[in-house]
Amino acid sequence: MEQHSMIIYILLVIIVTNLIRVTPMLFIKGQIHNRFVRSFLYYVPYVTLAVMTFPDMILATPTPLPGIIALLTGMVAAWFRLGLFPVALICCVVTYLLI
């Protein structure tokens, strides 16, 4: 790839990323009072993380079964209010033992 086109691609990514972050600030001036919009904005990061994480948990193993069992084990551990690090550690151990 040429150096010139690489710089253009990087600048394009910078522009698009900043437009996505700056545009809401231009249109929303004050506090958001709508309960639906507030709850939607509250859960967006969690949904985005889940959408990126769950398929990789299942597909990271040679077969999907250890990933599915580790996912279910992690859900049970999280249900019992364990922290992020213990849940991740439990999932890793379960996956390691099943592979």
N, C-alpha and C. Protein backbone atom coordinates (compact mmCIF):
# COMPACT_ATOMS: atom_id res chain seq x y z
N MET A 1 0.84 -1.16 0.00
CA MET A 1 0.00 0.00 0.00
C MET A 1 0.90 1.24 0.00
N GLU A 2 0.50 2.21 -0.75
CA GLU A 2 1.29 3.43 -0.85
C GLU A 2 1.17 4.26 0.43
N GLN A 3 2.20 5.03 0.71
CA GLN A 3 2.21 5.90 1.88
C GLN A 3 1.11 6.96 1.78
N HIS A 4 0.88 7.47 0.57
CA HIS A 4 -0.11 8.52 0.37
C HIS A 4 -1.52 8.03 0.70
N SER A 5 -1.87 6.84 0.22
CA SER A 5 -3.21 6.32 0.49
C SER A 5 -3.37 5.93 1.96
N MET A 6 -2.30 5.50 2.61
CA MET A 6 -2.37 5.16 4.03
C MET A 6 -2.70 6.41 4.85
N ILE A 7 -2.10 7.52 4.54
CA ILE A 7 -2.38 8.77 5.25
C ILE A 7 -3.82 9.20 5.02
N ILE A 8 -4.32 9.05 3.81
CA ILE A 8 -5.72 9.39 3.51
C ILE A 8 -6.67 8.52 4.33
N TYR A 9 -6.38 7.22 4.43
CA TYR A 9 -7.22 6.32 5.21
C TYR A 9 -7.22 6.69 6.69
N ILE A 10 -6.07 7.02 7.22
CA ILE A 10 -5.98 7.39 8.64
C ILE A 10 -6.75 8.68 8.89
N LEU A 11 -6.61 9.67 8.01
CA LEU A 11 -7.35 10.92 8.17
C LEU A 11 -8.86 10.69 8.07
N LEU A 12 -9.28 9.82 7.17
CA LEU A 12 -10.70 9.50 7.04
C LEU A 12 -11.24 8.85 8.31
N VAL A 13 -10.49 7.95 8.90
CA VAL A 13 -10.91 7.31 10.15
C VAL A 13 -11.01 8.35 11.27
N ILE A 14 -10.07 9.26 11.34
CA ILE A 14 -10.09 10.32 12.36
C ILE A 14 -11.33 11.19 12.19
N ILE A 15 -11.63 11.57 10.97
CA ILE A 15 -12.79 12.44 10.70
C ILE A 15 -14.09 11.74 11.07
N VAL A 16 -14.25 10.50 10.64
CA VAL A 16 -15.49 9.77 10.91
C VAL A 16 -15.67 9.53 12.41
N THR A 17 -14.60 9.16 13.09
CA THR A 17 -14.68 8.92 14.53
C THR A 17 -15.06 10.19 15.27
N ASN A 18 -14.46 11.30 14.90
CA ASN A 18 -14.78 12.55 15.59
C ASN A 18 -16.19 13.05 15.25
N LEU A 19 -16.65 12.82 14.03
CA LEU A 19 -18.02 13.20 13.70
C LEU A 19 -19.04 12.44 14.54
N ILE A 20 -18.78 11.16 14.75
CA ILE A 20 -19.69 10.35 15.55
C ILE A 20 -19.72 10.86 16.99
N ARG A 21 -18.60 11.31 17.51
CA ARG A 21 -18.55 11.77 18.90
C ARG A 21 -19.03 13.21 19.08
N VAL A 22 -18.82 14.05 18.09
CA VAL A 22 -19.13 15.47 18.23
C VAL A 22 -20.58 15.77 17.85
N THR A 23 -21.15 15.06 16.90
CA THR A 23 -22.50 15.35 16.42
C THR A 23 -23.56 15.35 17.53
N PRO A 24 -23.58 14.38 18.45
CA PRO A 24 -24.58 14.45 19.52
C PRO A 24 -24.43 15.70 20.39
N MET A 25 -23.20 16.14 20.61
CA MET A 25 -23.00 17.33 21.45
C MET A 25 -23.52 18.59 20.76
N LEU A 26 -23.57 18.58 19.44
CA LEU A 26 -24.07 19.75 18.73
C LEU A 26 -25.59 19.86 18.82
N PHE A 27 -26.28 18.71 18.88
CA PHE A 27 -27.73 18.72 18.85
C PHE A 27 -28.37 18.65 20.24
N ILE A 28 -27.67 18.10 21.21
CA ILE A 28 -28.23 17.97 22.56
C ILE A 28 -27.52 19.00 23.44
N LYS A 29 -28.26 20.01 23.85
CA LYS A 29 -27.66 21.12 24.60
C LYS A 29 -27.72 20.93 26.11
N GLY A 30 -28.80 20.36 26.61
CA GLY A 30 -28.96 20.26 28.06
C GLY A 30 -29.07 18.83 28.52
N GLN A 31 -29.59 18.68 29.73
CA GLN A 31 -29.81 17.35 30.30
C GLN A 31 -30.93 16.65 29.55
N ILE A 32 -30.79 15.33 29.38
CA ILE A 32 -31.82 14.53 28.72
C ILE A 32 -32.83 14.10 29.79
N HIS A 33 -34.10 14.45 29.59
CA HIS A 33 -35.13 14.14 30.58
C HIS A 33 -36.00 12.95 30.19
N ASN A 34 -35.96 12.54 28.95
CA ASN A 34 -36.77 11.42 28.48
C ASN A 34 -36.23 10.12 29.08
N ARG A 35 -37.08 9.36 29.78
CA ARG A 35 -36.64 8.13 30.44
C ARG A 35 -36.19 7.08 29.44
N PHE A 36 -36.88 6.98 28.30
CA PHE A 36 -36.52 5.98 27.30
C PHE A 36 -35.14 6.27 26.74
N VAL A 37 -34.87 7.50 26.37
CA VAL A 37 -33.58 7.86 25.79
C VAL A 37 -32.47 7.68 26.82
N ARG A 38 -32.73 8.07 28.06
CA ARG A 38 -31.72 7.91 29.10
C ARG A 38 -31.39 6.44 29.34
N SER A 39 -32.40 5.59 29.41
CA SER A 39 -32.14 4.16 29.63
C SER A 39 -31.47 3.55 28.40
N PHE A 40 -31.86 4.00 27.21
CA PHE A 40 -31.21 3.51 25.99
C PHE A 40 -29.73 3.85 26.01
N LEU A 41 -29.39 5.08 26.32
CA LEU A 41 -27.99 5.50 26.35
C LEU A 41 -27.22 4.83 27.48
N TYR A 42 -27.90 4.48 28.55
CA TYR A 42 -27.25 3.80 29.66
C TYR A 42 -26.82 2.38 29.26
N TYR A 43 -27.67 1.67 28.50
CA TYR A 43 -27.40 0.28 28.18
C TYR A 43 -26.61 0.07 26.89
N VAL A 44 -26.41 1.09 26.10
CA VAL A 44 -25.68 0.94 24.82
C VAL A 44 -24.28 0.37 25.01
N PRO A 45 -23.46 0.84 25.96
CA PRO A 45 -22.13 0.25 26.10
C PRO A 45 -22.16 -1.22 26.47
N TYR A 46 -23.11 -1.63 27.32
CA TYR A 46 -23.19 -3.03 27.72
C TYR A 46 -23.60 -3.92 26.54
N VAL A 47 -24.55 -3.46 25.77
CA VAL A 47 -25.00 -4.23 24.61
C VAL A 47 -23.89 -4.34 23.57
N THR A 48 -23.18 -3.26 23.36
CA THR A 48 -22.08 -3.28 22.39
C THR A 48 -21.00 -4.25 22.83
N LEU A 49 -20.64 -4.23 24.10
CA LEU A 49 -19.64 -5.15 24.61
C LEU A 49 -20.12 -6.59 24.50
N ALA A 50 -21.38 -6.84 24.79
CA ALA A 50 -21.92 -8.19 24.70
C ALA A 50 -21.92 -8.70 23.26
N VAL A 51 -22.29 -7.84 22.34
CA VAL A 51 -22.34 -8.24 20.93
C VAL A 51 -20.94 -8.56 20.41
N MET A 52 -19.94 -7.88 20.91
CA MET A 52 -18.57 -8.15 20.47
C MET A 52 -17.96 -9.35 21.18
N THR A 53 -18.40 -9.62 22.42
CA THR A 53 -17.75 -10.64 23.24
C THR A 53 -18.35 -12.02 23.08
N PHE A 54 -19.67 -12.14 23.12
CA PHE A 54 -20.29 -13.45 23.16
C PHE A 54 -19.95 -14.34 21.96
N PRO A 55 -20.00 -13.85 20.74
CA PRO A 55 -19.63 -14.75 19.63
C PRO A 55 -18.18 -15.22 19.71
N ASP A 56 -17.28 -14.37 20.16
CA ASP A 56 -15.88 -14.77 20.26
C ASP A 56 -15.66 -15.78 21.37
N MET A 57 -16.45 -15.70 22.42
CA MET A 57 -16.31 -16.69 23.50
C MET A 57 -16.64 -18.09 22.98
N ILE A 58 -17.63 -18.16 22.12
CA ILE A 58 -18.04 -19.47 21.61
C ILE A 58 -17.12 -19.94 20.48
N LEU A 59 -16.69 -19.03 19.63
CA LEU A 59 -15.92 -19.41 18.45
C LEU A 59 -14.41 -19.43 18.68
N ALA A 60 -13.92 -19.10 19.87
CA ALA A 60 -12.49 -19.05 20.12
C ALA A 60 -11.90 -20.43 20.36
N THR A 61 -12.75 -21.39 20.65
CA THR A 61 -12.28 -22.75 20.91
C THR A 61 -12.37 -23.58 19.64
N PRO A 62 -11.66 -24.71 19.60
CA PRO A 62 -11.72 -25.55 18.39
C PRO A 62 -13.13 -26.04 18.06
N THR A 63 -13.90 -26.33 19.09
CA THR A 63 -15.31 -26.67 18.90
C THR A 63 -16.14 -25.72 19.78
N PRO A 64 -17.36 -25.45 19.41
CA PRO A 64 -18.16 -24.48 20.17
C PRO A 64 -18.56 -24.93 21.57
N LEU A 65 -18.57 -26.23 21.86
CA LEU A 65 -19.07 -26.73 23.14
C LEU A 65 -18.31 -26.17 24.35
N PRO A 66 -16.97 -26.18 24.40
CA PRO A 66 -16.29 -25.60 25.56
C PRO A 66 -16.59 -24.11 25.74
N GLY A 67 -16.73 -23.39 24.65
CA GLY A 67 -17.06 -21.97 24.75
C GLY A 67 -18.46 -21.74 25.29
N ILE A 68 -19.40 -22.57 24.87
CA ILE A 68 -20.77 -22.44 25.37
C ILE A 68 -20.84 -22.78 26.85
N ILE A 69 -20.14 -23.85 27.26
CA ILE A 69 -20.14 -24.23 28.68
C ILE A 69 -19.46 -23.14 29.51
N ALA A 70 -18.36 -22.57 29.02
CA ALA A 70 -17.70 -21.48 29.75
C ALA A 70 -18.60 -20.26 29.83
N LEU A 71 -19.33 -19.96 28.77
CA LEU A 71 -20.26 -18.83 28.79
C LEU A 71 -21.35 -19.04 29.83
N LEU A 72 -21.93 -20.23 29.86
CA LEU A 72 -22.96 -20.53 30.85
C LEU A 72 -22.40 -20.50 32.27
N THR A 73 -21.19 -21.02 32.46
CA THR A 73 -20.55 -20.98 33.77
C THR A 73 -20.30 -19.54 34.21
N GLY A 74 -19.86 -18.71 33.28
CA GLY A 74 -19.64 -17.30 33.59
C GLY A 74 -20.93 -16.58 33.93
N MET A 75 -22.01 -16.94 33.26
CA MET A 75 -23.30 -16.32 33.58
C MET A 75 -23.76 -16.71 34.98
N VAL A 76 -23.54 -17.97 35.35
CA VAL A 76 -23.91 -18.40 36.71
C VAL A 76 -23.04 -17.68 37.74
N ALA A 77 -21.74 -17.57 37.46
CA ALA A 77 -20.85 -16.88 38.40
C ALA A 77 -21.23 -15.40 38.53
N ALA A 78 -21.60 -14.77 37.43
CA ALA A 78 -22.02 -13.37 37.48
C ALA A 78 -23.36 -13.24 38.21
N TRP A 79 -24.22 -14.25 38.09
CA TRP A 79 -25.50 -14.21 38.79
C TRP A 79 -25.29 -14.17 40.31
N PHE A 80 -24.22 -14.82 40.77
CA PHE A 80 -23.90 -14.80 42.19
C PHE A 80 -23.04 -13.59 42.57
N ARG A 81 -23.04 -12.60 41.72
CA ARG A 81 -22.42 -11.30 41.95
C ARG A 81 -20.92 -11.34 42.17
N LEU A 82 -20.25 -12.26 41.48
CA LEU A 82 -18.80 -12.23 41.49
C LEU A 82 -18.34 -11.09 40.58
N GLY A 83 -17.16 -10.61 40.81
CA GLY A 83 -16.64 -9.49 40.02
C GLY A 83 -16.21 -9.92 38.63
N LEU A 84 -15.80 -8.94 37.85
CA LEU A 84 -15.40 -9.20 36.47
C LEU A 84 -14.18 -10.12 36.40
N PHE A 85 -13.18 -9.86 37.22
CA PHE A 85 -11.97 -10.68 37.18
C PHE A 85 -12.23 -12.13 37.58
N PRO A 86 -12.95 -12.40 38.69
CA PRO A 86 -13.23 -13.81 39.02
C PRO A 86 -14.06 -14.52 37.96
N VAL A 87 -15.02 -13.83 37.36
CA VAL A 87 -15.83 -14.45 36.32
C VAL A 87 -14.97 -14.79 35.11
N ALA A 88 -14.11 -13.86 34.71
CA ALA A 88 -13.22 -14.12 33.57
C ALA A 88 -12.26 -15.26 33.88
N LEU A 89 -11.76 -15.30 35.10
CA LEU A 89 -10.84 -16.37 35.49
C LEU A 89 -11.55 -17.72 35.49
N ILE A 90 -12.76 -17.78 36.01
CA ILE A 90 -13.54 -19.02 36.00
C ILE A 90 -13.79 -19.49 34.57
N CYS A 91 -14.17 -18.56 33.70
CA CYS A 91 -14.42 -18.93 32.30
C CYS A 91 -13.16 -19.47 31.63
N CYS A 92 -12.03 -18.85 31.90
CA CYS A 92 -10.77 -19.31 31.32
C CYS A 92 -10.40 -20.70 31.82
N VAL A 93 -10.59 -20.94 33.13
CA VAL A 93 -10.27 -22.25 33.70
C VAL A 93 -11.18 -23.33 33.13
N VAL A 94 -12.47 -23.03 33.04
CA VAL A 94 -13.42 -24.01 32.48
C VAL A 94 -13.06 -24.32 31.02
N THR A 95 -12.76 -23.30 30.26
CA THR A 95 -12.38 -23.54 28.86
C THR A 95 -11.11 -24.36 28.76
N TYR A 96 -10.12 -24.05 29.59
CA TYR A 96 -8.86 -24.78 29.57
C TYR A 96 -9.07 -26.24 29.93
N LEU A 97 -9.92 -26.49 30.92
CA LEU A 97 -10.15 -27.88 31.33
C LEU A 97 -10.94 -28.68 30.29
N LEU A 98 -11.77 -28.01 29.51
CA LEU A 98 -12.60 -28.73 28.53
C LEU A 98 -11.92 -28.93 27.18
N ILE A 99 -10.86 -28.19 26.93
CA ILE A 99 -10.21 -28.33 25.61
C ILE A 99 -9.29 -29.51 25.58
